[in-house]
């Protein structure tokens, strides 16, 4: 019974989210090649995938600002990016500054992250701003 309830809830959530995305009425976030509503991860560095926000859990999404928490997953690029290692740092995330993209969706363009624990070497502040982009055509 519980499994049936979970499946029904997932289907209902998809039924609610899909029309909003299809109509272009929701704020979304570009994830390299497509816009998404409340994605579990956001690739920030689309060219080389050396920086992502992962394991995202959203407390709000779709308004002027989206808020959530997750992990900042980054390559240390030491001694170079091809040979570097990936590290995970817990963060709080706020997405803002939505703008209309070529796919006709309003995509958030700024991710403000606050490191809630250890942060990357060289990251002096507990806060960072990451530029997001519209999906690539």
N, C-alpha and C. Protein backbone atom coordinates (compact mmCIF):
# COMPACT_ATOMS: atom_id res chain seq x y z
N UNK A 1 0.82 -1.19 0.00
CA UNK A 1 0.00 0.00 0.00
C UNK A 1 0.87 1.26 0.00
N UNK A 2 1.93 1.24 0.82
CA UNK A 2 2.80 2.40 0.90
C UNK A 2 3.49 2.65 -0.43
N UNK A 3 3.94 1.58 -1.10
CA UNK A 3 4.58 1.71 -2.41
C UNK A 3 3.62 2.33 -3.41
N UNK A 4 2.35 1.90 -3.37
CA UNK A 4 1.35 2.43 -4.30
C UNK A 4 1.14 3.93 -4.03
N UNK A 5 1.14 4.34 -2.76
CA UNK A 5 0.97 5.73 -2.40
C UNK A 5 2.15 6.55 -2.91
N UNK A 6 3.38 6.04 -2.76
CA UNK A 6 4.57 6.75 -3.24
C UNK A 6 4.53 6.90 -4.75
N UNK A 7 4.16 5.87 -5.47
CA UNK A 7 4.07 5.94 -6.93
C UNK A 7 3.00 6.95 -7.33
N UNK A 8 1.85 6.92 -6.68
CA UNK A 8 0.79 7.88 -6.97
C UNK A 8 1.24 9.30 -6.72
N UNK A 9 1.98 9.52 -5.63
CA UNK A 9 2.48 10.86 -5.31
C UNK A 9 3.46 11.33 -6.37
N UNK A 10 4.34 10.45 -6.83
CA UNK A 10 5.32 10.81 -7.86
C UNK A 10 4.62 11.16 -9.17
N UNK A 11 3.60 10.40 -9.53
CA UNK A 11 2.85 10.67 -10.75
C UNK A 11 2.14 12.01 -10.64
N UNK A 12 1.52 12.28 -9.50
CA UNK A 12 0.83 13.54 -9.28
C UNK A 12 1.80 14.71 -9.35
N UNK A 13 2.96 14.57 -8.73
CA UNK A 13 3.97 15.64 -8.77
C UNK A 13 4.38 15.92 -10.21
N UNK A 14 4.59 14.89 -11.01
CA UNK A 14 4.94 15.06 -12.41
C UNK A 14 3.82 15.72 -13.18
N UNK A 15 2.59 15.35 -12.88
CA UNK A 15 1.44 15.93 -13.57
C UNK A 15 1.30 17.41 -13.27
N UNK A 16 1.67 17.83 -12.08
CA UNK A 16 1.60 19.24 -11.72
C UNK A 16 2.77 20.00 -12.33
N UNK A 17 3.97 19.45 -12.29
CA UNK A 17 5.16 20.14 -12.77
C UNK A 17 5.20 20.25 -14.28
N UNK A 18 4.79 19.23 -15.01
CA UNK A 18 4.90 19.21 -16.46
C UNK A 18 4.11 20.33 -17.13
N UNK A 19 2.83 20.58 -16.79
CA UNK A 19 2.13 21.68 -17.43
C UNK A 19 2.77 23.04 -17.15
N UNK A 20 3.30 23.23 -15.96
CA UNK A 20 3.94 24.50 -15.64
C UNK A 20 5.16 24.71 -16.52
N UNK A 21 5.95 23.69 -16.72
CA UNK A 21 7.13 23.79 -17.57
C UNK A 21 6.71 23.97 -19.02
N UNK A 22 5.70 23.23 -19.45
CA UNK A 22 5.25 23.32 -20.84
C UNK A 22 4.71 24.70 -21.17
N UNK A 23 4.07 25.34 -20.21
CA UNK A 23 3.47 26.64 -20.49
C UNK A 23 4.47 27.78 -20.39
N UNK A 24 5.65 27.53 -19.83
CA UNK A 24 6.63 28.58 -19.66
C UNK A 24 6.31 29.51 -18.51
N UNK A 25 5.34 29.16 -17.67
CA UNK A 25 4.93 30.04 -16.59
C UNK A 25 5.78 29.88 -15.33
N UNK A 26 6.57 28.84 -15.25
CA UNK A 26 7.36 28.58 -14.05
C UNK A 26 8.78 29.08 -14.23
N UNK A 27 9.40 29.47 -13.12
CA UNK A 27 10.83 29.75 -13.17
C UNK A 27 11.53 28.40 -13.10
N UNK A 28 12.59 28.27 -13.88
CA UNK A 28 13.31 27.02 -13.99
C UNK A 28 14.80 27.31 -13.90
N UNK A 29 15.59 26.26 -14.00
CA UNK A 29 17.04 26.46 -14.03
C UNK A 29 17.59 25.66 -15.20
N UNK A 30 18.46 26.31 -15.97
CA UNK A 30 19.11 25.63 -17.09
C UNK A 30 20.12 24.63 -16.57
N UNK A 31 20.13 23.46 -17.15
CA UNK A 31 21.07 22.42 -16.74
C UNK A 31 21.81 21.96 -17.99
N UNK A 32 22.56 22.87 -18.56
CA UNK A 32 23.36 22.70 -19.78
C UNK A 32 22.51 22.60 -21.04
N UNK A 33 21.66 21.59 -21.17
CA UNK A 33 20.92 21.41 -22.42
C UNK A 33 19.41 21.53 -22.28
N UNK A 34 18.89 21.64 -21.07
CA UNK A 34 17.45 21.77 -20.91
C UNK A 34 17.11 22.50 -19.61
N UNK A 35 15.95 23.11 -19.59
CA UNK A 35 15.46 23.78 -18.39
C UNK A 35 14.74 22.75 -17.53
N UNK A 36 14.89 22.89 -16.20
CA UNK A 36 14.27 21.92 -15.30
C UNK A 36 13.65 22.63 -14.10
N UNK A 37 12.60 22.02 -13.58
CA UNK A 37 11.98 22.50 -12.36
C UNK A 37 12.57 21.71 -11.19
N UNK A 38 13.09 22.42 -10.21
CA UNK A 38 13.62 21.81 -8.98
C UNK A 38 14.48 20.56 -9.24
N UNK A 39 15.55 20.69 -10.03
CA UNK A 39 16.37 19.51 -10.34
C UNK A 39 17.17 19.04 -9.12
N UNK A 40 17.51 17.75 -9.09
CA UNK A 40 18.34 17.23 -8.00
C UNK A 40 19.81 17.65 -8.13
N UNK A 41 20.20 18.13 -9.32
CA UNK A 41 21.57 18.62 -9.50
C UNK A 41 21.58 19.68 -10.59
N UNK A 42 22.58 20.56 -10.53
CA UNK A 42 22.77 21.60 -11.53
C UNK A 42 24.24 21.58 -11.93
N UNK A 43 24.52 21.38 -13.19
CA UNK A 43 25.89 21.46 -13.68
C UNK A 43 26.18 22.94 -13.91
N UNK A 44 27.16 23.47 -13.20
CA UNK A 44 27.51 24.89 -13.32
C UNK A 44 28.52 25.09 -14.43
N UNK A 45 29.48 24.19 -14.54
CA UNK A 45 30.52 24.26 -15.57
C UNK A 45 30.19 23.27 -16.68
N UNK A 46 29.35 23.72 -17.62
CA UNK A 46 28.86 22.81 -18.67
C UNK A 46 29.98 22.32 -19.59
N UNK A 47 30.98 23.14 -19.84
CA UNK A 47 32.03 22.76 -20.78
C UNK A 47 32.84 21.55 -20.31
N UNK A 48 33.16 21.50 -19.02
CA UNK A 48 34.03 20.41 -18.55
C UNK A 48 33.46 19.65 -17.35
N UNK A 49 32.31 20.05 -16.85
CA UNK A 49 31.65 19.37 -15.73
C UNK A 49 32.52 19.32 -14.47
N UNK A 50 33.34 20.36 -14.27
CA UNK A 50 34.21 20.39 -13.10
C UNK A 50 33.57 21.04 -11.88
N UNK A 51 32.35 21.55 -12.02
CA UNK A 51 31.64 22.14 -10.89
C UNK A 51 30.15 21.88 -11.04
N UNK A 52 29.55 21.28 -10.02
CA UNK A 52 28.12 21.01 -9.99
C UNK A 52 27.58 21.24 -8.59
N UNK A 53 26.29 21.48 -8.51
CA UNK A 53 25.57 21.46 -7.24
C UNK A 53 24.77 20.17 -7.27
N UNK A 54 24.99 19.32 -6.29
CA UNK A 54 24.39 17.98 -6.32
C UNK A 54 23.57 17.71 -5.06
N UNK A 55 22.82 16.63 -5.09
CA UNK A 55 21.98 16.20 -3.95
C UNK A 55 21.10 17.35 -3.44
N UNK A 56 20.56 18.12 -4.39
CA UNK A 56 19.77 19.29 -4.02
C UNK A 56 18.40 18.89 -3.48
N UNK A 57 18.01 19.54 -2.39
CA UNK A 57 16.69 19.40 -1.79
C UNK A 57 16.15 20.82 -1.67
N UNK A 58 15.00 21.06 -2.28
CA UNK A 58 14.45 22.41 -2.37
C UNK A 58 13.38 22.65 -1.30
N UNK A 59 13.50 23.75 -0.57
CA UNK A 59 12.45 24.14 0.36
C UNK A 59 11.45 25.06 -0.36
N UNK A 60 11.89 25.73 -1.42
CA UNK A 60 11.01 26.52 -2.27
C UNK A 60 11.63 26.58 -3.66
N UNK A 61 10.77 26.66 -4.67
CA UNK A 61 11.26 26.72 -6.05
C UNK A 61 10.17 27.34 -6.92
N UNK A 62 10.56 28.24 -7.80
CA UNK A 62 9.62 28.82 -8.75
C UNK A 62 9.29 30.28 -8.50
N UNK A 63 9.59 30.78 -7.33
CA UNK A 63 9.32 32.18 -7.02
C UNK A 63 10.49 33.06 -7.46
N UNK A 64 10.51 34.28 -6.96
CA UNK A 64 11.60 35.20 -7.27
C UNK A 64 12.94 34.58 -6.88
N UNK A 65 12.95 33.86 -5.76
CA UNK A 65 14.14 33.16 -5.29
C UNK A 65 13.76 31.72 -4.97
N UNK A 66 14.61 30.79 -5.39
CA UNK A 66 14.46 29.38 -5.02
C UNK A 66 15.48 29.09 -3.93
N UNK A 67 15.10 28.31 -2.93
CA UNK A 67 16.01 28.01 -1.82
C UNK A 67 16.08 26.51 -1.57
N UNK A 68 17.30 26.08 -1.24
CA UNK A 68 17.49 24.67 -0.95
C UNK A 68 18.86 24.43 -0.34
N UNK A 69 19.20 23.16 -0.27
CA UNK A 69 20.51 22.79 0.26
C UNK A 69 20.99 21.58 -0.51
N UNK A 70 22.29 21.34 -0.42
CA UNK A 70 22.88 20.22 -1.13
C UNK A 70 24.38 20.26 -1.01
N UNK A 71 25.04 19.82 -2.06
CA UNK A 71 26.51 19.76 -2.06
C UNK A 71 27.10 20.53 -3.22
N UNK A 72 28.20 21.19 -2.95
CA UNK A 72 29.03 21.85 -3.95
C UNK A 72 30.07 20.79 -4.31
N UNK A 73 30.05 20.34 -5.54
CA UNK A 73 30.89 19.21 -5.99
C UNK A 73 31.86 19.76 -7.02
N UNK A 74 33.14 19.87 -6.64
CA UNK A 74 34.11 20.56 -7.48
C UNK A 74 35.42 19.79 -7.62
N UNK A 75 36.01 19.93 -8.80
CA UNK A 75 37.32 19.36 -9.10
C UNK A 75 38.37 20.32 -8.57
N UNK A 76 39.37 19.81 -7.85
CA UNK A 76 40.43 20.68 -7.34
C UNK A 76 41.45 21.04 -8.42
N UNK A 77 41.38 20.37 -9.57
CA UNK A 77 42.26 20.65 -10.70
C UNK A 77 43.74 20.65 -10.33
N UNK A 78 44.12 19.77 -9.41
CA UNK A 78 45.51 19.65 -8.98
C UNK A 78 46.05 18.29 -9.38
N UNK A 79 47.08 18.21 -10.14
CA UNK A 79 47.93 19.27 -10.71
C UNK A 79 47.31 19.95 -11.92
N UNK A 80 46.28 19.32 -12.51
CA UNK A 80 45.50 19.94 -13.59
C UNK A 80 44.10 19.33 -13.51
N UNK A 81 43.18 19.88 -14.27
CA UNK A 81 41.79 19.41 -14.15
C UNK A 81 41.60 17.97 -14.61
N UNK A 82 42.39 17.54 -15.58
CA UNK A 82 42.27 16.15 -16.04
C UNK A 82 42.71 15.16 -14.97
N UNK A 83 43.68 15.56 -14.15
CA UNK A 83 44.22 14.67 -13.12
C UNK A 83 43.71 15.02 -11.72
N UNK A 84 42.84 16.02 -11.63
CA UNK A 84 42.36 16.47 -10.33
C UNK A 84 41.38 15.50 -9.68
N UNK A 85 41.06 15.79 -8.42
CA UNK A 85 40.10 14.98 -7.67
C UNK A 85 38.89 15.84 -7.33
N UNK A 86 37.73 15.18 -7.27
CA UNK A 86 36.50 15.88 -6.90
C UNK A 86 36.31 15.83 -5.40
N UNK A 87 35.79 16.94 -4.86
CA UNK A 87 35.51 17.07 -3.44
C UNK A 87 34.09 17.60 -3.26
N UNK A 88 33.48 17.24 -2.16
CA UNK A 88 32.10 17.64 -1.86
C UNK A 88 32.08 18.51 -0.62
N UNK A 89 31.33 19.62 -0.70
CA UNK A 89 31.21 20.56 0.42
C UNK A 89 29.72 20.88 0.62
N UNK A 90 29.20 20.77 1.84
CA UNK A 90 27.78 21.07 2.07
C UNK A 90 27.50 22.57 1.91
N UNK A 91 26.37 22.87 1.27
CA UNK A 91 26.00 24.27 1.02
C UNK A 91 24.49 24.48 1.16
N UNK A 92 24.15 25.73 1.41
CA UNK A 92 22.79 26.23 1.22
C UNK A 92 22.82 26.97 -0.10
N UNK A 93 21.73 26.89 -0.85
CA UNK A 93 21.68 27.47 -2.20
C UNK A 93 20.48 28.40 -2.33
N UNK A 94 20.69 29.54 -2.96
CA UNK A 94 19.59 30.44 -3.33
C UNK A 94 19.77 30.78 -4.81
N UNK A 95 18.73 30.51 -5.61
CA UNK A 95 18.75 30.85 -7.02
C UNK A 95 17.93 32.12 -7.23
N UNK A 96 18.41 33.01 -8.10
CA UNK A 96 17.70 34.27 -8.33
C UNK A 96 18.03 34.81 -9.72
N UNK A 97 17.55 36.01 -9.98
CA UNK A 97 17.80 36.74 -11.23
C UNK A 97 17.36 35.96 -12.47
N UNK A 98 16.10 35.55 -12.49
CA UNK A 98 15.58 34.82 -13.65
C UNK A 98 15.50 35.74 -14.86
N UNK A 99 15.82 35.18 -16.01
CA UNK A 99 15.71 35.91 -17.27
C UNK A 99 15.15 34.98 -18.34
N UNK A 100 14.49 35.55 -19.32
CA UNK A 100 13.90 34.75 -20.40
C UNK A 100 15.00 34.23 -21.30
N UNK A 101 15.00 32.92 -21.53
CA UNK A 101 15.99 32.27 -22.38
C UNK A 101 15.38 31.96 -23.75
N UNK A 102 16.21 31.51 -24.68
CA UNK A 102 15.73 31.20 -26.04
C UNK A 102 14.66 30.12 -26.05
N UNK A 103 14.66 29.24 -25.03
CA UNK A 103 13.63 28.19 -24.98
C UNK A 103 12.30 28.72 -24.41
N UNK A 104 12.25 30.05 -24.19
CA UNK A 104 11.06 30.77 -23.72
C UNK A 104 10.71 30.48 -22.26
N UNK A 105 11.66 30.00 -21.47
CA UNK A 105 11.45 29.80 -20.04
C UNK A 105 12.26 30.85 -19.29
N UNK A 106 11.79 31.20 -18.11
CA UNK A 106 12.51 32.13 -17.24
C UNK A 106 13.45 31.32 -16.36
N UNK A 107 14.73 31.32 -16.73
CA UNK A 107 15.75 30.53 -16.03
C UNK A 107 16.48 31.39 -15.01
N UNK A 108 16.65 30.85 -13.80
CA UNK A 108 17.48 31.51 -12.81
C UNK A 108 18.90 31.64 -13.36
N UNK A 109 19.52 32.80 -13.14
CA UNK A 109 20.85 33.06 -13.69
C UNK A 109 21.94 33.20 -12.62
N UNK A 110 21.56 33.17 -11.35
CA UNK A 110 22.54 33.34 -10.28
C UNK A 110 22.28 32.33 -9.17
N UNK A 111 23.33 31.62 -8.79
CA UNK A 111 23.27 30.71 -7.63
C UNK A 111 24.16 31.31 -6.55
N UNK A 112 23.57 31.66 -5.44
CA UNK A 112 24.34 32.14 -4.29
C UNK A 112 24.46 30.95 -3.34
N UNK A 113 25.69 30.56 -3.05
CA UNK A 113 25.91 29.42 -2.17
C UNK A 113 26.57 29.88 -0.88
N UNK A 114 26.16 29.25 0.20
CA UNK A 114 26.77 29.48 1.50
C UNK A 114 27.30 28.14 1.99
N UNK A 115 28.60 28.07 2.18
CA UNK A 115 29.22 26.84 2.68
C UNK A 115 28.87 26.69 4.15
N UNK A 116 28.33 25.52 4.51
CA UNK A 116 27.88 25.31 5.88
C UNK A 116 28.88 24.49 6.69
N UNK A 117 29.98 24.16 6.10
CA UNK A 117 31.05 23.41 6.76
C UNK A 117 32.36 23.76 6.08
N UNK A 118 33.17 22.77 5.87
CA UNK A 118 34.44 22.96 5.19
C UNK A 118 34.18 23.54 3.80
N UNK A 119 35.12 24.35 3.32
CA UNK A 119 34.98 24.91 1.97
C UNK A 119 36.24 24.65 1.15
N UNK A 120 36.16 24.83 -0.16
CA UNK A 120 37.31 24.52 -1.02
C UNK A 120 38.54 25.37 -0.67
N UNK A 121 39.70 24.79 -0.90
CA UNK A 121 40.95 25.53 -0.68
C UNK A 121 40.91 26.79 -1.53
N UNK A 122 41.32 27.90 -0.95
CA UNK A 122 41.32 29.17 -1.66
C UNK A 122 40.00 29.92 -1.57
N UNK A 123 38.95 29.27 -1.07
CA UNK A 123 37.64 29.93 -0.91
C UNK A 123 37.66 30.64 0.43
N UNK A 124 37.98 31.94 0.42
CA UNK A 124 38.16 32.69 1.66
C UNK A 124 36.84 32.97 2.38
N UNK A 125 35.80 33.21 1.60
CA UNK A 125 34.51 33.56 2.19
C UNK A 125 33.62 32.33 2.28
N UNK A 126 32.69 32.36 3.23
CA UNK A 126 31.72 31.27 3.35
C UNK A 126 30.63 31.39 2.28
N UNK A 127 30.66 32.46 1.49
CA UNK A 127 29.66 32.68 0.46
C UNK A 127 30.31 32.84 -0.90
N UNK A 128 29.61 32.36 -1.91
CA UNK A 128 30.09 32.51 -3.29
C UNK A 128 28.91 32.70 -4.20
N UNK A 129 29.13 33.38 -5.30
CA UNK A 129 28.10 33.58 -6.32
C UNK A 129 28.56 32.85 -7.58
N UNK A 130 27.65 32.05 -8.15
CA UNK A 130 27.94 31.29 -9.34
C UNK A 130 27.00 31.73 -10.46
N UNK A 131 27.58 32.06 -11.60
CA UNK A 131 26.76 32.43 -12.76
C UNK A 131 26.18 31.17 -13.38
N UNK A 132 24.88 31.19 -13.62
CA UNK A 132 24.21 30.10 -14.32
C UNK A 132 23.88 30.58 -15.72
N UNK A 133 23.64 29.65 -16.61
CA UNK A 133 23.36 30.06 -17.98
C UNK A 133 22.08 29.41 -18.49
N UNK A 134 21.60 29.98 -19.57
CA UNK A 134 20.46 29.37 -20.26
C UNK A 134 20.93 28.06 -20.86
N UNK A 135 20.00 27.13 -21.09
CA UNK A 135 20.40 25.88 -21.72
C UNK A 135 20.97 26.12 -23.10
N UNK A 136 21.93 25.30 -23.48
CA UNK A 136 22.51 25.39 -24.81
C UNK A 136 21.51 24.85 -25.82
N UNK A 137 21.44 25.46 -26.99
CA UNK A 137 20.47 24.98 -28.00
C UNK A 137 20.80 23.60 -28.51
